[in-house]
Protein backbone atom coordinates (compact mmCIF):
# COMPACT_ATOMS: atom_id res chain seq x y z
CA UNK A 1 4.95 -11.89 7.48
CA UNK A 2 7.82 -11.26 9.88
CA UNK A 3 10.19 -8.32 9.89
CA UNK A 4 13.26 -9.06 7.77
CA UNK A 5 11.48 -11.30 5.27
CA UNK A 6 11.39 -10.61 1.53
CA UNK A 7 8.20 -9.18 0.01
CA UNK A 8 7.53 -9.53 -3.72
CA UNK A 9 4.20 -8.50 -5.29
CA UNK A 10 3.51 -8.87 -9.03
CA UNK A 11 0.65 -7.37 -11.00
CA UNK A 12 -0.17 -8.22 -14.62
CA UNK A 13 -2.79 -6.92 -16.98
CA UNK A 14 -3.69 -5.78 -20.47
CA UNK A 15 -2.93 -2.16 -19.42
CA UNK A 16 0.29 -0.75 -18.00
CA UNK A 17 0.11 -1.09 -14.17
CA UNK A 18 1.82 0.82 -11.36
CA UNK A 19 2.02 0.18 -7.61
CA UNK A 20 0.71 2.51 -4.88
CA UNK A 21 2.03 1.84 -1.39
CA UNK A 22 1.36 3.30 2.07
CA UNK A 23 4.46 5.51 2.25
CA UNK A 24 4.61 6.76 -1.31
CA UNK A 25 4.69 10.48 -0.55
CA UNK A 26 7.83 12.03 -1.99
CA UNK A 27 10.38 12.80 0.70
CA UNK A 28 8.41 10.89 3.35
CA UNK A 29 10.97 8.11 3.81
CA UNK A 30 14.68 7.52 3.32
CA UNK A 31 15.63 5.91 0.02
CA UNK A 32 16.65 2.50 1.53
CA UNK A 33 13.07 1.99 2.80
CA UNK A 34 11.49 2.42 -0.64
CA UNK A 35 10.67 -0.71 -2.62
CA UNK A 36 12.14 -1.46 -6.03
CA UNK A 37 9.46 -1.52 -8.73
CA UNK A 38 10.29 -3.20 -12.01
CA UNK A 39 8.01 -2.68 -15.00
CA UNK A 40 7.90 -5.11 -17.91
CA UNK A 41 6.49 -4.02 -21.23
CA UNK A 42 4.23 -6.46 -23.07
CA UNK A 43 5.61 -9.01 -25.45
CA UNK A 44 3.90 -9.33 -28.79
CA UNK A 45 1.26 -12.01 -28.75
CA UNK A 46 2.02 -15.11 -30.77
CA UNK A 47 -0.31 -15.86 -33.66
CA UNK A 48 -3.50 -17.19 -32.09
CA UNK A 49 -1.97 -16.91 -28.61
CA UNK A 50 -2.99 -14.98 -25.53
CA UNK A 51 -3.00 -11.17 -25.77
CA UNK A 52 0.09 -9.28 -24.66
CA UNK A 53 0.21 -8.34 -20.96
CA UNK A 54 2.05 -5.65 -18.99
CA UNK A 55 3.59 -6.40 -15.58
CA UNK A 56 4.90 -4.52 -12.55
CA UNK A 57 6.77 -6.24 -9.71
CA UNK A 58 7.25 -4.57 -6.33
CA UNK A 59 10.20 -5.92 -4.33
CA UNK A 60 11.33 -5.34 -0.73
CA UNK A 61 14.30 -7.59 0.12
CA UNK A 62 14.14 -6.78 3.85
CA UNK A 63 10.61 -5.72 4.89
CA UNK A 64 10.13 -3.93 8.20
CA UNK A 65 7.16 -2.80 10.29
CA UNK A 66 7.26 0.47 8.36
CA UNK A 67 6.16 -1.37 5.20
CA UNK A 68 2.84 -2.41 6.82
CA UNK A 69 -0.20 -1.14 4.97
CA UNK A 70 -2.35 -1.23 1.85
CA UNK A 71 -0.67 -1.87 -1.49
CA UNK A 72 -2.66 -1.35 -4.68
CA UNK A 73 -1.90 -2.08 -8.29
CA UNK A 74 -3.61 0.54 -10.47
CA UNK A 75 -3.67 1.52 -14.13
CA UNK A 76 -0.62 3.61 -14.96
CA UNK A 77 -2.86 5.87 -17.05
CA UNK A 78 -4.68 7.10 -13.91
CA UNK A 79 -2.85 10.32 -12.95
CA UNK A 80 -1.52 10.32 -9.36
CA UNK A 81 -2.94 13.79 -8.62
CA UNK A 82 -6.40 13.16 -10.07
CA UNK A 83 -9.46 13.90 -7.93
CA UNK A 84 -10.94 10.60 -9.11
CA UNK A 85 -9.69 7.52 -7.26
CA UNK A 86 -7.55 5.25 -9.47
CA UNK A 87 -9.04 2.03 -10.81
CA UNK A 88 -7.59 -0.73 -8.63
CA UNK A 89 -6.59 -3.81 -10.56
CA UNK A 90 -5.77 -5.57 -7.29
CA UNK A 91 -5.06 -4.57 -3.70
CA UNK A 92 -3.71 -6.25 -0.60
CA UNK A 93 -3.01 -5.25 3.02
CA UNK A 94 0.42 -6.44 4.13
CA UNK A 95 1.18 -7.00 7.83
CA UNK A 96 4.88 -6.98 8.76
CA UNK A 97 4.93 -8.13 12.38
CA UNK A 98 7.47 -6.63 14.74
CA UNK A 99 6.88 -7.01 18.52
CA UNK A 100 8.74 -3.75 19.23
CA UNK A 101 6.42 -1.71 16.97
CA UNK A 102 2.72 -2.78 17.18
CA UNK A 103 1.69 -0.12 14.64
CA UNK A 104 3.33 2.26 12.20
CA UNK A 105 3.82 5.68 13.72
CA UNK A 106 2.68 8.38 11.33
CA UNK A 107 3.99 11.35 13.26
CA UNK A 108 1.52 14.00 14.36
CA UNK A 109 -1.65 13.64 12.31
CA UNK A 110 -4.73 15.79 12.76
CA UNK A 111 -7.99 14.60 11.24
CA UNK A 112 -10.93 16.99 11.01
CA UNK A 113 -14.51 15.84 10.50
CA UNK A 114 -17.95 17.31 10.92
CA UNK A 115 -20.39 15.60 13.27
CA UNK A 116 -22.24 12.71 11.56
CA UNK A 117 -19.74 12.62 8.68
CA UNK A 118 -17.29 9.82 7.99
CA UNK A 119 -13.55 10.33 8.43
CA UNK A 120 -10.57 8.05 7.93
CA UNK A 121 -8.05 7.93 10.79
CA UNK A 122 -4.48 6.98 9.97
CA UNK A 123 -3.81 3.79 11.92
CA UNK A 124 -1.66 1.01 10.48
CA UNK A 125 -1.48 -1.92 12.92
CA UNK A 126 1.18 -4.42 11.85
CA UNK A 127 -0.44 -7.49 13.36
CA UNK A 128 -3.77 -8.93 12.21
CA UNK A 129 -4.70 -9.93 15.78
CA UNK A 130 -4.14 -6.45 17.26
CA UNK A 131 -7.46 -5.02 18.52
CA UNK A 132 -7.77 -1.26 17.97
CA UNK A 133 -10.30 0.94 19.81
CA UNK A 134 -11.28 4.55 19.24
CA UNK A 135 -11.88 6.47 22.45
CA UNK A 136 -13.24 9.96 22.92
CA UNK A 137 -11.65 12.48 25.23
CA UNK A 138 -13.31 10.96 28.34
CA UNK A 139 -12.13 7.40 27.62
CA UNK A 140 -15.45 6.13 26.33
CA UNK A 141 -15.30 3.77 23.38
CA UNK A 142 -16.70 5.32 20.23
């Protein structure tokens, strides 16, 4: 999607859902950049009808490059500070293209890893066609 467009993501399920988004850390962003999230409690099922379903809708009326990243709808019952990863009901990576910002700057980030162990590097390109390389300190591709 392009910068300035509206983003609306809806998640429904038999359990109460909540949205996780790439900039969800408290105090990490100014309030205007945060999405609105509307929760809808389940309606009683009609006799013989489908079971009641919960819903959560994430809305960004004016998405920018900063909103690029992975969005996940998870069970609300999974505590945010749990050591266990939350059960994803659905997830999606959203690209918000902006030619002035090819990736989301995350400030100064240091990632430590032991040799032969996996590590995740914070890199959020905002264009699906952007090719990203990892180079070591002597400019050799890793």
